[in-house]
Amino acid sequence: MRGTGADLQEKSLHERIRNDVERHIMSGEWPPGYRIPFEHEMTRQYACSRMTVNKALGELVQRGLIERRRRLGSFVRQPHAQSAVLEIHDIEREVQALGLVYRYRLDQRRLRPAGKNDGAAMALAADAPVLELTCTHFAGGVPFCLEERLINVTAVPEAEFADFSQIGPGTWLLKMVPWSAAEHRISAVSADRKNAAALGIGSGAACLVIDRRTWHGTDYITRVSVTYPGDRHALVAQFSPSQSS
């Protein structure tokens, strides 16, 4: 069922507001710490409802470009010193680089509507279709990592019919879908019973978890959590002095 003209106009306006603000930020015109115009000011500027402005800014908060401060407004977010720019690696190539035989297993595949947490993390509409996949990657016959992934089927409709029993979803996405930006969050956790069993380690053992969201333009493509046994994996980054130092 198609939306009404008013619905389409609101969607177009919210995308325009989001894109305008993002352009100001990415161009450097609005530097870190810059206060973005108040919502009521943008409502007048774009001749739209406050809900439309709020939705556009909310998506930029999720992207990490702006932050909201109670009673003060919205500001361009300061870059975090601990952030790291990492490449998106193909797990199969990671294993092969170690000189070990790679094997992959698809443990679960489920097409389902997006839940509340999915929608918030990937800016998805309520009940938007997502493909949920759980996979185990092996190196030399030993579990190398556990992959838990969601794919936005609206953005990547081909994923619904892809044969992930033969190729890992990460490998497939890198080959089939262009991406323009990614966000990594790295954390140390203790393995719960499920992850410990999947990885062949003791419950409570230290693990390294990489959570990543990837998008193309303004559309989120995928969200993935990759769990490695802590004693079998390390992250290495190469960097040079900042030009401003």
Protein backbone atom coordinates (compact mmCIF):
# COMPACT_ATOMS: atom_id res chain seq x y z
CA MET A 1 0.00 0.00 0.00
CA ARG A 2 1.47 3.33 -1.02
CA GLY A 3 1.74 6.22 1.39
CA THR A 4 -0.25 9.40 0.97
CA GLY A 5 1.21 12.50 -0.60
CA ALA A 6 1.63 14.02 2.87
CA ASP A 7 3.52 10.90 4.09
CA LEU A 8 5.87 11.01 1.09
CA GLN A 9 6.46 14.73 1.58
CA GLU A 10 7.34 14.20 5.27
CA LYS A 11 9.77 11.42 4.32
CA SER A 12 11.38 13.58 1.66
CA LEU A 13 11.72 16.48 4.10
CA HIS A 14 13.25 14.36 6.84
CA GLU A 15 15.82 12.98 4.38
CA ARG A 16 16.59 16.48 3.15
CA ILE A 17 17.11 17.78 6.70
CA ARG A 18 19.32 14.82 7.61
CA ASN A 19 21.41 15.20 4.45
CA ASP A 20 21.76 18.97 4.88
CA VAL A 21 23.00 18.65 8.45
CA GLU A 22 25.36 15.80 7.52
CA ARG A 23 26.80 17.88 4.66
CA HIS A 24 27.48 20.83 6.99
CA ILE A 25 29.32 18.49 9.38
CA MET A 26 31.31 16.48 6.84
CA SER A 27 32.43 19.63 5.01
CA GLY A 28 33.80 21.08 8.25
CA GLU A 29 31.43 24.05 8.09
CA TRP A 30 30.01 22.87 11.41
CA PRO A 31 33.06 21.74 13.45
CA PRO A 32 33.00 19.52 16.59
CA GLY A 33 31.16 21.28 19.42
CA TYR A 34 29.09 23.45 17.06
CA ARG A 35 25.51 23.88 18.26
CA ILE A 36 23.03 22.80 15.61
CA PRO A 37 19.98 25.07 15.20
CA PHE A 38 17.22 24.29 17.67
CA GLU A 39 14.40 22.04 16.50
CA HIS A 40 11.88 24.89 16.51
CA GLU A 41 14.26 26.93 14.33
CA MET A 42 14.59 24.07 11.83
CA THR A 43 10.83 23.57 11.87
CA ARG A 44 10.40 27.14 10.64
CA GLN A 45 13.29 26.87 8.18
CA TYR A 46 11.94 23.73 6.49
CA ALA A 47 8.23 24.47 7.04
CA CYS A 48 7.64 21.03 8.54
CA SER A 49 6.54 19.37 11.76
CA ARG A 50 8.82 19.10 14.77
CA MET A 51 8.48 15.31 14.55
CA THR A 52 10.10 15.38 11.11
CA VAL A 53 13.08 17.38 12.41
CA ASN A 54 13.37 15.13 15.48
CA LYS A 55 13.47 12.00 13.31
CA ALA A 56 16.20 13.43 11.07
CA LEU A 57 18.36 14.43 14.04
CA GLY A 58 17.72 11.11 15.76
CA GLU A 59 19.23 9.24 12.83
CA LEU A 60 22.33 11.45 13.00
CA VAL A 61 22.63 10.66 16.72
CA GLN A 62 22.59 6.95 15.83
CA ARG A 63 25.29 7.56 13.24
CA GLY A 64 27.44 9.18 15.93
CA LEU A 65 27.63 12.53 14.12
CA ILE A 66 25.76 14.60 16.70
CA GLU A 67 24.87 14.39 20.37
CA ARG A 68 21.95 15.81 22.32
CA ARG A 69 22.44 17.66 25.59
CA ARG A 70 19.46 18.08 27.82
CA ARG A 71 18.07 21.64 27.77
CA LEU A 72 21.01 22.81 25.65
CA GLY A 73 20.22 21.37 22.21
CA SER A 74 22.12 19.25 19.70
CA PHE A 75 25.85 19.58 19.01
CA VAL A 76 28.33 18.18 16.50
CA ARG A 77 29.98 15.32 18.32
CA GLN A 78 33.61 15.51 19.36
CA PRO A 79 35.71 12.70 17.82
CA HIS A 80 36.69 10.10 20.41
CA ALA A 81 40.42 9.70 20.93
CA GLN A 82 40.07 5.93 21.37
CA SER A 83 38.33 5.42 18.03
CA ALA A 84 40.14 3.28 15.49
CA VAL A 85 39.76 3.15 11.73
CA LEU A 86 39.87 -0.51 10.75
CA GLU A 87 39.48 -2.29 7.49
CA ILE A 88 36.64 -4.74 7.00
CA HIS A 89 38.46 -8.05 6.78
CA ASP A 90 37.26 -11.22 5.12
CA ILE A 91 37.46 -13.93 7.81
CA GLU A 92 38.40 -16.58 5.26
CA ARG A 93 41.44 -14.52 4.25
CA GLU A 94 42.35 -13.98 7.92
CA VAL A 95 42.55 -17.74 8.41
CA GLN A 96 44.42 -18.36 5.16
CA ALA A 97 46.96 -15.70 6.12
CA LEU A 98 47.79 -17.87 9.15
CA GLY A 99 48.57 -20.77 6.82
CA LEU A 100 45.63 -22.80 8.16
CA VAL A 101 42.81 -24.60 6.40
CA TYR A 102 39.58 -22.60 6.48
CA ARG A 103 36.13 -24.07 6.98
CA TYR A 104 32.77 -22.38 7.47
CA ARG A 105 29.47 -23.58 8.89
CA LEU A 106 26.05 -21.92 8.78
CA ASP A 107 24.37 -22.65 12.11
CA GLN A 108 21.15 -20.66 11.81
CA ARG A 109 19.29 -18.70 9.14
CA ARG A 110 16.02 -16.89 9.84
CA LEU A 111 14.07 -14.23 7.97
CA ARG A 112 12.09 -12.19 10.47
CA PRO A 113 10.70 -8.71 11.12
CA ALA A 114 13.04 -6.24 12.81
CA GLY A 115 12.59 -5.90 16.55
CA LYS A 116 12.75 -2.72 18.58
CA ASN A 117 16.50 -2.98 19.22
CA ASP A 118 17.23 -3.78 15.57
CA GLY A 119 15.27 -0.76 14.40
CA ALA A 120 17.09 1.57 16.78
CA ALA A 121 20.54 0.26 15.84
CA MET A 122 20.01 0.20 12.08
CA ALA A 123 17.41 2.94 11.57
CA LEU A 124 14.87 0.41 10.34
CA ALA A 125 11.14 0.88 10.08
CA ALA A 126 9.01 -1.22 12.44
CA ASP A 127 8.69 -4.81 11.18
CA ALA A 128 11.14 -4.23 8.29
CA PRO A 129 12.48 -7.61 7.07
CA VAL A 130 15.91 -8.67 8.32
CA LEU A 131 17.90 -11.82 7.71
CA GLU A 132 19.39 -13.24 10.90
CA LEU A 133 22.43 -15.49 10.49
CA THR A 134 24.66 -17.33 12.95
CA CYS A 135 27.87 -18.88 11.61
CA THR A 136 31.01 -20.56 12.92
CA HIS A 137 34.37 -20.10 11.18
CA PHE A 138 37.13 -22.68 11.67
CA ALA A 139 40.90 -22.53 11.33
CA GLY A 140 42.74 -25.84 11.06
CA GLY A 141 39.64 -27.64 12.35
CA VAL A 142 39.39 -25.49 15.47
CA PRO A 143 36.68 -22.82 15.97
CA PHE A 144 38.20 -19.48 14.98
CA CYS A 145 35.28 -17.13 15.63
CA LEU A 146 31.51 -16.94 15.97
CA GLU A 147 29.60 -14.59 13.65
CA GLU A 148 26.11 -13.28 14.50
CA ARG A 149 24.74 -11.05 11.75
CA LEU A 150 21.64 -9.14 10.67
CA ILE A 151 21.20 -8.02 7.05
CA ASN A 152 18.76 -5.30 6.08
CA VAL A 153 16.74 -7.08 3.39
CA THR A 154 15.16 -3.83 2.21
CA ALA A 155 18.64 -2.48 1.35
CA VAL A 156 19.98 -5.83 0.12
CA PRO A 157 17.01 -7.81 -1.29
CA GLU A 158 19.34 -10.35 -2.96
CA ALA A 159 20.36 -11.62 0.49
CA GLU A 160 16.98 -13.26 1.04
CA PHE A 161 17.76 -15.85 -1.66
CA ALA A 162 21.54 -16.13 -1.32
CA ASP A 163 22.95 -19.59 -0.47
CA PHE A 164 24.86 -18.89 2.71
CA SER A 165 25.41 -22.58 3.31
CA GLN A 166 28.30 -22.37 0.84
CA ILE A 167 29.67 -18.86 1.41
CA GLY A 168 29.92 -16.76 4.54
CA PRO A 169 27.66 -13.68 4.63
CA GLY A 170 30.61 -11.38 5.25
CA THR A 171 32.44 -12.67 2.17
CA TRP A 172 29.24 -12.48 0.12
CA LEU A 173 28.52 -8.89 1.18
CA LEU A 174 32.06 -7.72 0.40
CA LYS A 175 31.75 -9.16 -3.10
CA MET A 176 28.18 -8.12 -3.85
CA VAL A 177 27.32 -4.91 -1.99
CA PRO A 178 29.23 -1.58 -1.99
CA TRP A 179 29.63 0.15 1.35
CA SER A 180 30.50 3.76 2.12
CA ALA A 181 31.05 3.79 5.89
CA ALA A 182 31.45 1.44 8.83
CA GLU A 183 31.55 1.68 12.61
CA HIS A 184 33.52 -0.70 14.84
CA ARG A 185 33.05 -1.18 18.57
CA ILE A 186 35.58 -3.45 20.27
CA SER A 187 35.05 -4.95 23.69
CA ALA A 188 36.31 -7.70 25.99
CA VAL A 189 33.70 -10.07 27.43
CA SER A 190 33.48 -13.34 29.30
CA ALA A 191 32.06 -16.18 27.21
CA ASP A 192 28.55 -17.25 28.14
CA ARG A 193 27.56 -20.91 27.86
CA LYS A 194 26.30 -20.61 24.28
CA ASN A 195 29.41 -18.88 22.95
CA ALA A 196 31.73 -21.10 24.99
CA ALA A 197 30.17 -24.22 23.46
CA ALA A 198 30.36 -22.75 19.93
CA LEU A 199 34.03 -21.80 20.31
CA GLY A 200 35.18 -24.84 22.25
CA ILE A 201 36.35 -22.82 25.26
CA GLY A 202 35.45 -22.74 28.92
CA SER A 203 32.46 -20.78 30.16
CA GLY A 204 33.68 -17.42 31.43
CA ALA A 205 36.82 -17.46 29.27
CA ALA A 206 37.98 -14.11 27.92
CA CYS A 207 36.75 -13.19 24.44
CA LEU A 208 37.30 -10.30 22.06
CA VAL A 209 34.12 -9.01 20.41
CA ILE A 210 33.99 -6.76 17.36
CA ASP A 211 30.58 -5.19 16.74
CA ARG A 212 30.26 -3.52 13.37
CA ARG A 213 27.57 -1.60 11.51
CA THR A 214 28.00 -0.93 7.82
CA TRP A 215 26.00 1.32 5.56
CA HIS A 216 25.87 2.58 2.00
CA GLY A 217 24.86 6.22 1.71
CA THR A 218 22.12 6.58 4.31
CA ASP A 219 20.99 2.94 4.26
CA TYR A 220 22.29 0.46 6.81
CA ILE A 221 23.40 -2.75 5.13
CA THR A 222 24.32 -5.01 8.00
CA ARG A 223 25.09 -5.32 11.68
CA VAL A 224 27.44 -8.05 12.85
CA SER A 225 29.01 -9.24 16.08
CA VAL A 226 32.14 -11.40 15.71
CA THR A 227 33.39 -13.17 18.84
CA TYR A 228 36.97 -14.47 19.00
CA PRO A 229 38.58 -16.51 21.81
CA GLY A 230 40.74 -13.96 23.60
CA ASP A 231 43.92 -16.06 23.55
CA ARG A 232 43.72 -16.66 19.80
CA HIS A 233 43.27 -13.21 18.37
CA ALA A 234 44.82 -9.73 18.50
CA LEU A 235 44.08 -6.40 16.86
CA VAL A 236 46.92 -4.47 15.28
CA ALA A 237 46.69 -0.93 13.94
CA GLN A 238 49.28 1.05 12.00
CA PHE A 239 49.14 4.84 12.17
CA SER A 240 51.23 7.93 11.69
CA PRO A 241 51.49 11.25 13.57
CA SER A 242 48.54 13.56 13.11
CA GLN A 243 49.05 16.35 10.62
CA SER A 244 47.97 18.80 13.30
CA SER A 245 50.57 17.58 15.83
